[in-house]
Each structure stands twice: as structure tokens, then as C-alpha cells.
Amino acid sequence: MHIAWTSFLLALVVITVVPGPDFVLVMGNAVRSFRKGVEAALGVLAGLVIHGTLATLGLSALVAAAPTALFVVKAIGAVYLAYVGFMTLKAANKPIAEQPPQKNVFLRGMLCDLLNPKVMLTFLSLIPQAMDPHAAPLPQAALLSAVTVGVFAVFWMIVVPSARQLGRLLSKPKTRAHFERVCGTALIGLAASVLAT
């Protein structure tokens, strides 16, 4: 079984660290309350587990087994990555938005993740591209889904305890702009590589 680990992990790490709705929700709660930050992160991870389960039960495998469907998903994924990249570059000079702690933080985190198109495309586009078409799809989808959830879990384990420091760091216009430009450029480059493969 030859899984494309290098390109998969590279794309996954970039997708993970680029600020999105999940990041804003978790950071907004964690900056003010460690417990609320943990609740939000656990909700996000619950959403990831649901995405991973659906992928393992057949969505990713179905796409990987159909060349035309895989091409369509790759094209959609590439366009979305490029769009996110350009939007990230466009927003490079804007300060990070932070949401105040709210009730039902776990549920909000889960719904935020489930409705996040970036996460949907991670499971429906990125995972099938990394799979070996000559090997059984189910074990690969399960493994790649588990790795995806694990990478995000490690990310939140770093972000939540460091929320106050990260919030201060990313609130600095120059630091934030540099971070956004690096992420935006990386996403555009990944979009091009997706179409080229």
C-alpha cells in the first residue's frame, strides 16, 4: 500500500494552521477561558470524527474508485484552495477576529466544523488523492481519517494552552500579515500541485 504521505501531510498541516472559522471559535473562547477553549476544541474534534467516519464508510472511497468523480473533486478542491489562498492574502492586513465565550460551546464547535467547507474538502478531496488506487480503500480511508483527526488534535493541544500568547502575537499587524501571506501563498501553490497531479 503506497499512500502519498508526504504531499498528504504537507497539505494537511497547511490546512490545519490556516486560520478559519474553527480557529476563530476556539481562540475566541480559549483567550478568555481555558475550559471554554477546551470545550470548543473538543466540539471541533467531534465534528472531525463525524467527517472521518463518513469518509471511512464510503464517501472518500467512492470518489477514489471513480476517476471522473475524483477529477471533479480534485478540480473543486484546487479551486477552493486557491480561493482560500487568495482570500487569505487579501485579508493579510486585517486583525484576527475573536469571538466572546458563548453557551453550548461544544455544540457550536461541532457544528462549526461540520459546516466548514475547508474540512469537508479535506476529507472528500485530500484523502482520496493520497490513497493507493491499487489497495483496499476502506483501511486507507480509516487510517488517513484518523491521522487527520490526530493532526488537528495536536494542533488544538498547542493552541488552547497558548491562546493568550498566540492572541497577542497574531494581533500584531506585521506578524499577522506575514503569517497570512505565507499561508495564502502555500495554499495557492498546493492548488496548482493538485491540478498538476
Protein backbone atom coordinates (compact mmCIF):
# COMPACT_ATOMS: atom_id res chain seq x y z
CA MET A 1 0.00 0.00 0.00
CA HIS A 2 1.63 3.20 -1.22
CA ILE A 3 -0.08 6.17 0.43
CA ALA A 4 1.18 9.60 -0.66
CA TRP A 5 2.18 10.56 2.88
CA THR A 6 4.48 13.48 2.05
CA SER A 7 2.02 15.51 -0.02
CA PHE A 8 -0.87 14.50 2.23
CA LEU A 9 0.81 15.60 5.46
CA LEU A 10 2.15 18.81 3.89
CA ALA A 11 -1.30 19.81 2.65
CA LEU A 12 -2.91 18.74 5.93
CA VAL A 13 -0.54 20.81 8.06
CA VAL A 14 -1.11 23.91 5.92
CA ILE A 15 -4.89 23.40 6.04
CA THR A 16 -4.71 22.92 9.81
CA VAL A 17 -2.73 26.07 10.61
CA VAL A 18 -4.53 28.47 8.25
CA PRO A 19 -7.00 30.39 10.46
CA GLY A 20 -10.61 29.63 9.68
CA PRO A 21 -13.98 29.51 11.48
CA ASP A 22 -12.82 26.72 13.81
CA PHE A 23 -9.70 28.64 14.78
CA VAL A 24 -11.63 31.83 15.45
CA LEU A 25 -14.18 30.00 17.60
CA VAL A 26 -11.61 28.11 19.67
CA MET A 27 -9.28 31.10 20.06
CA GLY A 28 -12.12 33.45 20.95
CA ASN A 29 -13.13 31.18 23.82
CA ALA A 30 -9.68 29.99 24.90
CA VAL A 31 -8.25 33.51 25.21
CA ARG A 32 -10.79 34.25 27.93
CA SER A 33 -11.36 30.81 29.48
CA PHE A 34 -9.22 27.68 29.28
CA ARG A 35 -12.26 25.48 29.99
CA LYS A 36 -14.33 27.09 27.23
CA GLY A 37 -11.39 26.74 24.86
CA VAL A 38 -11.19 23.02 25.63
CA GLU A 39 -14.95 22.64 25.10
CA ALA A 40 -14.77 24.40 21.75
CA ALA A 41 -11.78 22.32 20.64
CA LEU A 42 -13.49 19.07 21.68
CA GLY A 43 -16.57 20.12 19.70
CA VAL A 44 -14.42 20.75 16.63
CA LEU A 45 -12.76 17.35 17.06
CA ALA A 46 -16.18 15.70 17.35
CA GLY A 47 -17.08 17.24 14.01
CA LEU A 48 -13.85 15.91 12.54
CA VAL A 49 -14.63 12.42 13.81
CA ILE A 50 -18.03 12.58 12.10
CA HIS A 51 -16.40 13.73 8.85
CA GLY A 52 -13.82 10.94 9.16
CA THR A 53 -16.47 8.32 9.86
CA LEU A 54 -18.48 9.33 6.81
CA ALA A 55 -15.33 9.25 4.70
CA THR A 56 -14.41 5.81 6.00
CA LEU A 57 -17.92 4.46 5.39
CA GLY A 58 -17.59 5.17 1.72
CA LEU A 59 -17.55 8.79 0.62
CA SER A 60 -13.79 9.06 0.10
CA ALA A 61 -13.51 5.50 -1.18
CA LEU A 62 -16.34 6.08 -3.64
CA VAL A 63 -14.66 9.18 -5.02
CA ALA A 64 -11.27 7.45 -5.23
CA ALA A 65 -12.74 4.50 -7.14
CA ALA A 66 -14.29 6.70 -9.83
CA PRO A 67 -11.67 8.53 -11.95
CA THR A 68 -14.15 11.10 -13.27
CA ALA A 69 -15.53 11.84 -9.82
CA LEU A 70 -12.01 12.08 -8.44
CA PHE A 71 -11.04 14.58 -11.15
CA VAL A 72 -14.12 16.70 -10.42
CA VAL A 73 -13.42 16.67 -6.69
CA LYS A 74 -9.75 17.48 -7.31
CA ALA A 75 -10.76 20.41 -9.50
CA ILE A 76 -13.23 21.67 -6.89
CA GLY A 77 -10.62 21.18 -4.17
CA ALA A 78 -7.98 23.04 -6.17
CA VAL A 79 -10.34 25.94 -6.89
CA TYR A 80 -11.32 26.13 -3.23
CA LEU A 81 -7.70 26.01 -2.04
CA ALA A 82 -6.80 28.77 -4.50
CA TYR A 83 -9.81 30.80 -3.37
CA VAL A 84 -8.87 30.42 0.30
CA GLY A 85 -5.28 31.30 -0.58
CA PHE A 86 -6.25 34.49 -2.39
CA MET A 87 -8.71 35.46 0.36
CA THR A 88 -6.00 34.84 2.95
CA LEU A 89 -3.62 37.11 1.06
CA LYS A 90 -6.35 39.72 0.71
CA ALA A 91 -7.01 39.67 4.46
CA ALA A 92 -3.32 39.75 5.38
CA ASN A 93 -3.50 43.20 6.97
CA LYS A 94 -6.74 42.64 8.87
CA PRO A 95 -6.60 41.85 12.62
CA ILE A 96 -7.78 38.43 13.78
CA ALA A 97 -11.40 38.30 14.85
CA GLU A 98 -12.12 36.90 18.28
CA GLN A 99 -15.48 35.69 19.49
CA PRO A 100 -16.51 36.02 23.15
CA PRO A 101 -17.25 32.88 25.18
CA GLN A 102 -20.75 31.56 24.49
CA LYS A 103 -23.12 28.94 25.82
CA ASN A 104 -23.20 25.45 24.29
CA VAL A 105 -19.59 25.89 23.19
CA PHE A 106 -19.10 22.17 22.46
CA LEU A 107 -22.13 22.09 20.15
CA ARG A 108 -21.07 25.31 18.47
CA GLY A 109 -17.62 23.86 17.88
CA MET A 110 -19.04 20.67 16.38
CA LEU A 111 -21.46 22.49 14.09
CA CYS A 112 -18.79 24.99 13.07
CA ASP A 113 -16.57 22.12 11.96
CA LEU A 114 -19.33 20.10 10.29
CA LEU A 115 -20.38 23.12 8.22
CA ASN A 116 -16.84 24.20 7.38
CA PRO A 117 -16.24 23.63 3.63
CA LYS A 118 -12.49 23.52 4.25
CA VAL A 119 -12.93 20.46 6.43
CA MET A 120 -15.38 18.83 4.04
CA LEU A 121 -12.90 19.17 1.20
CA THR A 122 -10.09 17.84 3.38
CA PHE A 123 -11.94 14.57 3.73
CA LEU A 124 -13.58 14.44 0.30
CA SER A 125 -10.66 15.65 -1.80
CA LEU A 126 -7.37 15.42 0.06
CA ILE A 127 -7.85 11.88 1.42
CA PRO A 128 -8.83 10.24 -1.90
CA GLN A 129 -5.84 11.87 -3.60
CA ALA A 130 -3.47 10.31 -1.07
CA MET A 131 -4.96 6.82 -1.35
CA ASP A 132 -3.36 3.99 -3.29
CA PRO A 133 -5.83 3.10 -6.09
CA HIS A 134 -4.45 -0.46 -6.17
CA ALA A 135 -5.09 -1.17 -2.47
CA ALA A 136 -8.27 -1.68 -0.46
CA PRO A 137 -9.87 1.75 0.00
CA LEU A 138 -11.60 1.21 3.37
CA PRO A 139 -8.48 0.70 5.54
CA GLN A 140 -6.77 3.62 3.81
CA ALA A 141 -9.74 5.95 4.36
CA ALA A 142 -9.88 4.92 8.03
CA LEU A 143 -6.14 5.43 8.52
CA LEU A 144 -5.99 8.78 6.74
CA SER A 145 -9.11 10.00 8.55
CA ALA A 146 -7.60 9.01 11.91
CA VAL A 147 -4.35 10.80 11.04
CA THR A 148 -6.32 13.91 10.06
CA VAL A 149 -8.17 13.95 13.38
CA GLY A 150 -4.87 13.32 15.20
CA VAL A 151 -3.10 16.24 13.49
CA PHE A 152 -5.94 18.59 14.37
CA ALA A 153 -6.00 17.27 17.95
CA VAL A 154 -2.28 18.02 18.35
CA PHE A 155 -2.85 21.48 16.90
CA TRP A 156 -5.59 22.26 19.43
CA MET A 157 -3.45 20.87 22.26
CA ILE A 158 -0.93 23.56 21.34
CA VAL A 159 -3.36 26.38 20.58
CA VAL A 160 -5.66 26.20 23.62
CA PRO A 161 -2.99 26.39 26.36
CA SER A 162 -1.11 29.04 24.39
CA ALA A 163 -4.18 31.07 23.45
CA ARG A 164 -3.29 34.22 25.33
CA GLN A 165 0.25 34.31 23.90
CA LEU A 166 -0.94 33.44 20.39
CA GLY A 167 -3.66 36.06 20.60
CA ARG A 168 -1.14 38.75 21.48
CA LEU A 169 1.31 37.56 18.82
CA LEU A 170 -1.23 37.41 15.99
CA SER A 171 -2.76 40.73 17.00
CA LYS A 172 0.45 42.44 15.88
CA PRO A 173 -0.25 43.69 12.35
CA LYS A 174 3.18 42.82 10.90
CA THR A 175 3.26 39.32 12.39
CA ARG A 176 -0.31 38.59 11.34
CA ALA A 177 0.28 39.89 7.81
CA HIS A 178 3.43 37.80 7.41
CA PHE A 179 1.67 34.68 8.69
CA GLU A 180 -1.30 35.23 6.37
CA ARG A 181 0.93 35.80 3.32
CA VAL A 182 2.91 32.61 3.95
CA CYS A 183 -0.27 30.55 4.38
CA GLY A 184 -2.00 32.14 1.39
CA THR A 185 0.97 31.56 -0.90
CA ALA A 186 1.29 27.96 0.30
CA LEU A 187 -2.39 27.27 -0.40
CA ILE A 188 -2.17 28.68 -3.92
CA GLY A 189 0.90 26.53 -4.55
CA LEU A 190 -0.91 23.45 -3.26
CA ALA A 191 -3.89 24.24 -5.52
CA ALA A 192 -1.55 24.26 -8.52
CA SER A 193 0.05 20.97 -7.44
CA VAL A 194 -3.38 19.34 -7.05
CA LEU A 195 -4.28 20.17 -10.64
CA ALA A 196 -0.87 19.03 -11.88
CA THR A 197 -1.16 15.53 -10.36
